[in-house]
């Protein structure tokens, strides 16, 4: 009877403040902001996986797992451990093919006469180790005349076994890819870094400024028409040095360890004239906030082992930024 009277009371009294109901709806429909991290390894996946905090990521990409010259993937017992650990933490796990320095024979495997067998091998490998999908990180010369058909056929095959297909892409090479091909990816991980680096010593400066994130997002979302909820903003956990006394490259963990206070900066100037540029805690926070405000799918990290442990962790900054945003705007 008490429940009946309470319901009747609500039914006859006009409700002028719907905040309680709006809050309930928003919290139940709150979209997931993805935090995807790449884990690099050549052989020992277990050692790498034991160094990362699965509770602070939603997705994990193993980089890189490439086939031999005949398109076959080698067995690796360590993968079972990593996939199981990801599953226990409700983390989606993918394996990435390609990379910035892929094996030379990968180009041949994209050709029509080899493509079908290669795609079959990708799908079989994904199913054997129970991956959630495959990440296509084909760059530079591999975005060629065979790229479109390879992605199209792989997409069809991946969908047929209910898995996902993602891609790591940069705005500077995406003009070579058609709108149709871009739309076939479930998510696109935007590589908003490496605007400059040791390969371009005549152009010193920040290799991953906030402006690059803004421009890259505008390119994929506005110019190319990719929905924001399919785009992840790339964040670098490393820096590049230019000039005398500066290291050519250094990950964030080593930067913080070697140069106290550097976590609150984005560059370090050396007495002899060189400068090391990277993304500190404030800049990572700003980029995460940008991704949330633009309703992007989330952020992507290259790479997780470059982080600092403890209170200066950039992954910690990302998660704290998420939590703060959720507290002020339930839709995030």
Protein backbone atom coordinates (compact mmCIF):
# COMPACT_ATOMS: atom_id res chain seq x y z
CA UNK A 1 0.00 0.00 0.00
CA UNK A 2 2.81 2.43 0.75
CA UNK A 3 4.26 1.92 -2.72
CA UNK A 4 0.83 2.51 -4.28
CA UNK A 5 0.33 5.78 -2.41
CA UNK A 6 3.79 6.97 -3.41
CA UNK A 7 3.12 6.27 -7.09
CA UNK A 8 -0.29 7.94 -6.86
CA UNK A 9 1.31 10.96 -5.22
CA UNK A 10 3.80 11.28 -8.05
CA UNK A 11 1.03 10.95 -10.58
CA UNK A 12 -1.08 13.87 -9.29
CA UNK A 13 1.65 16.34 -8.40
CA UNK A 14 3.10 18.35 -11.34
CA UNK A 15 6.82 17.81 -11.65
CA UNK A 16 8.71 21.02 -12.45
CA UNK A 17 12.24 19.71 -11.88
CA UNK A 18 13.23 16.69 -13.95
CA UNK A 19 16.88 16.71 -12.90
CA UNK A 20 16.54 13.42 -11.01
CA UNK A 21 15.07 11.66 -14.04
CA UNK A 22 17.52 13.29 -16.47
CA UNK A 23 20.43 12.26 -14.26
CA UNK A 24 19.18 8.67 -14.15
CA UNK A 25 18.77 8.53 -17.91
CA UNK A 26 22.12 10.14 -18.60
CA UNK A 27 24.02 7.89 -16.22
CA UNK A 28 22.46 4.76 -17.67
CA UNK A 29 23.21 5.84 -21.24
CA UNK A 30 26.62 7.37 -20.57
CA UNK A 31 28.83 6.52 -23.53
CA UNK A 32 32.17 4.86 -23.01
CA UNK A 33 35.19 7.03 -23.58
CA UNK A 34 37.80 4.64 -24.92
CA UNK A 35 41.39 4.65 -23.74
CA UNK A 36 43.32 2.55 -26.20
CA UNK A 37 46.97 1.75 -25.72
CA UNK A 38 49.48 0.11 -28.02
CA UNK A 39 51.77 -2.47 -26.45
CA UNK A 40 54.92 -3.05 -28.50
CA UNK A 41 56.83 -6.30 -28.37
CA UNK A 42 58.80 -8.58 -30.61
CA UNK A 43 58.36 -11.87 -28.74
CA UNK A 44 57.72 -11.62 -25.00
CA UNK A 45 54.14 -10.39 -24.73
CA UNK A 46 53.80 -11.58 -21.14
CA UNK A 47 56.60 -9.34 -19.87
CA UNK A 48 55.04 -6.32 -21.57
CA UNK A 49 51.53 -7.07 -20.34
CA UNK A 50 52.71 -7.37 -16.75
CA UNK A 51 54.00 -3.79 -16.88
CA UNK A 52 50.71 -2.13 -17.78
CA UNK A 53 47.62 -1.29 -15.72
CA UNK A 54 44.67 -2.97 -17.44
CA UNK A 55 42.24 -1.16 -15.12
CA UNK A 56 43.07 2.14 -16.79
CA UNK A 57 42.50 1.15 -20.43
CA UNK A 58 39.48 -0.03 -22.39
CA UNK A 59 41.33 -1.33 -25.45
CA UNK A 60 44.74 -2.86 -26.11
CA UNK A 61 46.53 -3.20 -29.46
CA UNK A 62 49.46 -5.60 -29.68
CA UNK A 63 52.04 -4.08 -32.02
CA UNK A 64 53.08 -5.62 -34.16
CA UNK A 65 52.17 -9.14 -35.22
CA UNK A 66 53.10 -9.76 -38.84
CA UNK A 67 53.09 -12.92 -40.95
CA UNK A 68 56.00 -14.63 -42.63
CA UNK A 69 56.59 -14.25 -46.37
CA UNK A 70 53.93 -16.90 -47.11
CA UNK A 71 51.30 -15.09 -45.04
CA UNK A 72 51.39 -17.42 -42.05
CA UNK A 73 51.35 -16.21 -38.44
CA UNK A 74 53.62 -17.88 -35.91
CA UNK A 75 52.12 -19.41 -32.80
CA UNK A 76 52.91 -17.69 -29.51
CA UNK A 77 51.75 -19.08 -26.19
CA UNK A 78 52.29 -15.69 -24.56
CA UNK A 79 49.36 -14.31 -26.53
CA UNK A 80 46.95 -16.56 -24.66
CA UNK A 81 48.09 -15.05 -21.37
CA UNK A 82 47.63 -11.47 -22.59
CA UNK A 83 44.24 -12.13 -24.17
CA UNK A 84 43.02 -13.84 -21.00
CA UNK A 85 44.24 -10.98 -18.83
CA UNK A 86 42.53 -8.44 -21.09
CA UNK A 87 39.30 -10.43 -20.90
CA UNK A 88 39.45 -10.54 -17.11
CA UNK A 89 39.60 -6.73 -17.07
CA UNK A 90 36.93 -6.34 -19.78
CA UNK A 91 39.51 -4.82 -22.14
CA UNK A 92 39.03 -5.22 -25.89
CA UNK A 93 42.18 -6.63 -27.48
CA UNK A 94 43.38 -6.38 -31.08
CA UNK A 95 46.53 -7.37 -32.92
CA UNK A 96 48.11 -4.83 -35.25
CA UNK A 97 49.61 -5.69 -38.61
CA UNK A 98 52.11 -3.50 -40.40
CA UNK A 99 53.76 -0.72 -38.41
CA UNK A 100 56.22 2.00 -39.26
CA UNK A 101 58.89 -0.56 -40.22
CA UNK A 102 56.96 -3.55 -41.56
CA UNK A 103 58.57 -6.60 -43.16
CA UNK A 104 59.26 -6.04 -46.85
CA UNK A 105 57.17 -9.05 -47.91
CA UNK A 106 53.97 -7.49 -46.53
CA UNK A 107 53.59 -5.50 -49.74
CA UNK A 108 53.52 -8.71 -51.77
CA UNK A 109 50.83 -10.21 -49.55
CA UNK A 110 48.46 -7.37 -50.45
CA UNK A 111 48.59 -8.30 -54.12
CA UNK A 112 45.51 -10.05 -55.61
CA UNK A 113 47.17 -13.45 -56.00
CA UNK A 114 48.22 -13.60 -52.34
CA UNK A 115 45.51 -11.47 -50.70
CA UNK A 116 42.87 -14.16 -50.12
CA UNK A 117 45.22 -16.50 -48.29
CA UNK A 118 46.59 -13.62 -46.22
CA UNK A 119 43.11 -12.52 -45.16
CA UNK A 120 42.14 -16.10 -44.29
CA UNK A 121 45.26 -16.32 -42.12
CA UNK A 122 44.39 -13.05 -40.33
CA UNK A 123 40.89 -14.28 -39.52
CA UNK A 124 42.09 -17.71 -38.42
CA UNK A 125 44.73 -16.14 -36.16
CA UNK A 126 42.18 -13.75 -34.62
CA UNK A 127 39.79 -16.61 -33.86
CA UNK A 128 42.46 -18.96 -32.55
CA UNK A 129 43.66 -16.51 -29.91
CA UNK A 130 40.20 -14.98 -29.34
CA UNK A 131 41.07 -11.43 -30.32
CA UNK A 132 38.29 -8.86 -30.65
CA UNK A 133 39.61 -7.72 -34.00
CA UNK A 134 42.53 -6.63 -36.13
CA UNK A 135 44.19 -3.22 -36.36
CA UNK A 136 45.43 -2.26 -39.84
CA UNK A 137 48.54 -0.11 -39.47
CA UNK A 138 49.65 0.01 -43.09
CA UNK A 139 51.67 3.13 -43.76
CA UNK A 140 53.79 4.84 -46.42
CA UNK A 141 54.33 2.62 -49.50
CA UNK A 142 51.77 0.08 -48.29
CA UNK A 143 48.98 2.58 -48.99
CA UNK A 144 49.18 1.69 -52.64
CA UNK A 145 47.00 0.43 -55.48
CA UNK A 146 46.22 -2.75 -53.52
CA UNK A 147 45.26 -1.06 -50.25
CA UNK A 148 41.60 -0.39 -51.08
CA UNK A 149 40.75 -3.93 -52.17
CA UNK A 150 42.68 -5.47 -49.29
CA UNK A 151 40.78 -3.39 -46.72
CA UNK A 152 37.45 -4.05 -48.42
CA UNK A 153 37.95 -7.81 -48.53
CA UNK A 154 39.36 -7.93 -45.01
CA UNK A 155 36.38 -5.92 -43.74
CA UNK A 156 33.94 -8.41 -45.26
CA UNK A 157 35.83 -11.36 -43.80
CA UNK A 158 36.17 -9.79 -40.34
CA UNK A 159 32.48 -8.89 -40.20
CA UNK A 160 31.52 -12.45 -41.13
CA UNK A 161 33.13 -13.70 -37.90
CA UNK A 162 31.70 -10.82 -35.81
CA UNK A 163 35.01 -9.09 -35.12
CA UNK A 164 36.09 -5.48 -35.60
CA UNK A 165 38.61 -3.79 -37.87
CA UNK A 166 40.41 -0.61 -36.90
CA UNK A 167 43.18 1.47 -38.46
CA UNK A 168 46.03 3.72 -37.41
CA UNK A 169 46.10 6.64 -39.83
CA UNK A 170 47.58 10.11 -40.14
CA UNK A 171 46.06 13.10 -41.89
CA UNK A 172 49.15 13.50 -44.07
CA UNK A 173 48.68 10.11 -45.76
CA UNK A 174 44.90 9.70 -45.59
CA UNK A 175 44.36 11.70 -48.78
CA UNK A 176 45.52 8.56 -50.60
CA UNK A 177 42.58 6.63 -49.12
CA UNK A 178 39.03 6.86 -50.46
CA UNK A 179 36.04 7.85 -48.34
CA UNK A 180 34.56 4.41 -48.94
CA UNK A 181 37.65 2.70 -47.54
CA UNK A 182 37.82 4.98 -44.51
CA UNK A 183 34.18 4.29 -43.70
CA UNK A 184 34.82 0.54 -43.58
CA UNK A 185 36.82 0.86 -40.35
CA UNK A 186 35.01 0.50 -37.02
CA UNK A 187 37.45 2.96 -35.43
CA UNK A 188 40.29 5.13 -36.69
CA UNK A 189 43.23 5.81 -34.40
CA UNK A 190 44.56 9.19 -35.48
CA UNK A 191 48.34 9.42 -35.30
CA UNK A 192 48.50 13.05 -34.17
CA UNK A 193 52.22 13.05 -33.58
CA UNK A 194 55.54 12.96 -35.47
CA UNK A 195 54.87 16.30 -37.11
CA UNK A 196 58.65 16.54 -37.01
CA UNK A 197 61.45 14.46 -35.57
CA UNK A 198 65.08 13.31 -35.86
CA UNK A 199 64.53 12.65 -39.57
CA UNK A 200 63.92 16.37 -40.05
CA UNK A 201 66.58 18.13 -37.99
CA UNK A 202 66.11 21.33 -39.95
CA UNK A 203 62.62 21.65 -38.46
CA UNK A 204 63.02 21.55 -34.68
CA UNK A 205 59.97 21.95 -32.48
CA UNK A 206 57.04 20.24 -30.79
CA UNK A 207 56.20 17.08 -32.73
CA UNK A 208 52.69 16.77 -31.28
CA UNK A 209 51.17 20.17 -30.47
CA UNK A 210 47.52 20.71 -29.49
CA UNK A 211 46.97 22.44 -32.84
CA UNK A 212 47.85 19.21 -34.63
CA UNK A 213 45.15 17.36 -32.70
CA UNK A 214 42.59 20.04 -33.59
CA UNK A 215 43.56 20.03 -37.27
CA UNK A 216 43.65 16.23 -37.53
CA UNK A 217 40.25 15.85 -35.92
CA UNK A 218 38.79 18.49 -38.25
CA UNK A 219 40.31 16.69 -41.24
CA UNK A 220 38.83 13.27 -40.49
CA UNK A 221 35.53 14.45 -39.03
CA UNK A 222 34.64 17.49 -41.12
CA UNK A 223 36.55 17.07 -44.38
CA UNK A 224 36.32 13.29 -44.66
CA UNK A 225 32.96 12.86 -42.91
CA UNK A 226 33.97 10.25 -40.34
CA UNK A 227 31.61 10.29 -37.33
CA UNK A 228 33.27 11.60 -34.18
CA UNK A 229 32.35 8.41 -32.32
CA UNK A 230 34.68 6.46 -34.63
CA UNK A 231 37.74 8.67 -34.06
CA UNK A 232 40.40 8.31 -31.35
CA UNK A 233 42.92 11.09 -30.72
CA UNK A 234 46.53 9.91 -30.70
CA UNK A 235 48.71 10.81 -27.71
CA UNK A 236 52.51 10.34 -27.64
CA UNK A 237 54.22 9.01 -24.54
CA UNK A 238 57.63 10.03 -25.90
CA UNK A 239 59.55 13.04 -27.16
CA UNK A 240 62.15 14.07 -29.74
CA UNK A 241 65.29 16.11 -29.27
CA UNK A 242 66.95 18.61 -31.57
CA UNK A 243 70.35 20.22 -31.29
CA UNK A 244 73.45 19.68 -29.21
CA UNK A 245 73.01 17.88 -25.90
CA UNK A 246 69.45 16.68 -26.62
CA UNK A 247 68.67 12.96 -27.03
CA UNK A 248 67.26 11.94 -30.39
CA UNK A 249 64.24 10.41 -28.67
CA UNK A 250 63.20 9.54 -25.12
CA UNK A 251 60.03 8.12 -23.61
CA UNK A 252 58.09 10.06 -20.99
CA UNK A 253 59.00 7.75 -18.14
CA UNK A 254 62.70 8.27 -18.72
CA UNK A 255 62.22 12.02 -19.16
CA UNK A 256 60.50 12.36 -15.79
CA UNK A 257 63.05 10.12 -14.10
CA UNK A 258 66.06 11.97 -15.45
CA UNK A 259 64.75 15.54 -15.29
CA UNK A 260 62.75 16.27 -12.10
CA UNK A 261 59.89 18.69 -12.69
CA UNK A 262 59.73 17.91 -16.39
CA UNK A 263 56.29 16.34 -15.97
CA UNK A 264 54.82 19.86 -15.79
CA UNK A 265 56.55 21.06 -18.96
CA UNK A 266 56.50 20.20 -22.66
CA UNK A 267 60.14 20.88 -23.45
CA UNK A 268 63.57 20.81 -21.84
CA UNK A 269 66.32 23.20 -22.89
CA UNK A 270 69.91 22.02 -22.54
CA UNK A 271 72.80 24.38 -21.65
CA UNK A 272 74.67 23.56 -24.84
CA UNK A 273 71.74 24.61 -27.03
CA UNK A 274 69.56 21.58 -27.75
CA UNK A 275 65.89 21.08 -26.85
CA UNK A 276 63.80 18.00 -26.08
CA UNK A 277 60.11 18.31 -26.99
CA UNK A 278 57.36 16.06 -25.59
CA UNK A 279 53.85 16.14 -24.11
CA UNK A 280 53.69 16.79 -20.37
CA UNK A 281 50.76 16.21 -18.02
CA UNK A 282 48.96 19.48 -18.78
CA UNK A 283 49.07 18.99 -22.55
CA UNK A 284 47.85 15.39 -22.28
CA UNK A 285 44.97 16.62 -20.11
CA UNK A 286 44.08 19.32 -22.67
CA UNK A 287 44.06 16.80 -25.50
CA UNK A 288 41.87 14.39 -23.52
CA UNK A 289 39.44 17.21 -22.73
CA UNK A 290 39.38 18.14 -26.41
CA UNK A 291 38.49 14.58 -27.39
CA UNK A 292 35.66 14.49 -24.85
CA UNK A 293 34.26 17.87 -25.83
CA UNK A 294 34.21 16.82 -29.48
CA UNK A 295 32.40 13.57 -28.59
CA UNK A 296 35.28 11.57 -30.04
CA UNK A 297 35.45 7.84 -29.38
CA UNK A 298 38.41 8.37 -27.07
CA UNK A 299 42.18 8.62 -27.08
CA UNK A 300 44.91 6.35 -28.40
CA UNK A 301 48.34 6.00 -26.81
CA UNK A 302 51.62 5.23 -28.50
CA UNK A 303 52.81 3.49 -26.48
CA UNK A 304 51.98 2.23 -22.99
CA UNK A 305 55.49 1.22 -21.96
CA UNK A 306 56.64 4.80 -22.44
CA UNK A 307 54.65 5.99 -19.43
CA UNK A 308 55.98 6.98 -16.02
CA UNK A 309 55.03 4.97 -12.96
CA UNK A 310 53.28 6.48 -9.97
CA UNK A 311 51.90 9.98 -9.56
CA UNK A 312 53.35 11.35 -12.80
CA UNK A 313 51.73 8.71 -15.01
CA UNK A 314 50.14 10.14 -18.15
CA UNK A 315 47.67 7.26 -18.16
CA UNK A 316 46.65 8.40 -14.68
CA UNK A 317 46.15 11.94 -16.05
CA UNK A 318 43.88 10.62 -18.79
CA UNK A 319 41.73 8.65 -16.35
CA UNK A 320 41.48 11.54 -13.89
CA UNK A 321 40.43 13.82 -16.73
CA UNK A 322 37.73 11.30 -17.68
CA UNK A 323 36.46 11.12 -14.12
CA UNK A 324 36.37 14.90 -13.73
CA UNK A 325 34.49 15.26 -16.99
CA UNK A 326 31.96 12.60 -15.98
CA UNK A 327 31.37 14.46 -12.73
CA UNK A 328 30.53 17.72 -14.51
CA UNK A 329 28.75 16.32 -17.60
CA UNK A 330 27.09 12.89 -17.28
CA UNK A 331 27.00 12.35 -21.07
CA UNK A 332 30.78 11.81 -20.92
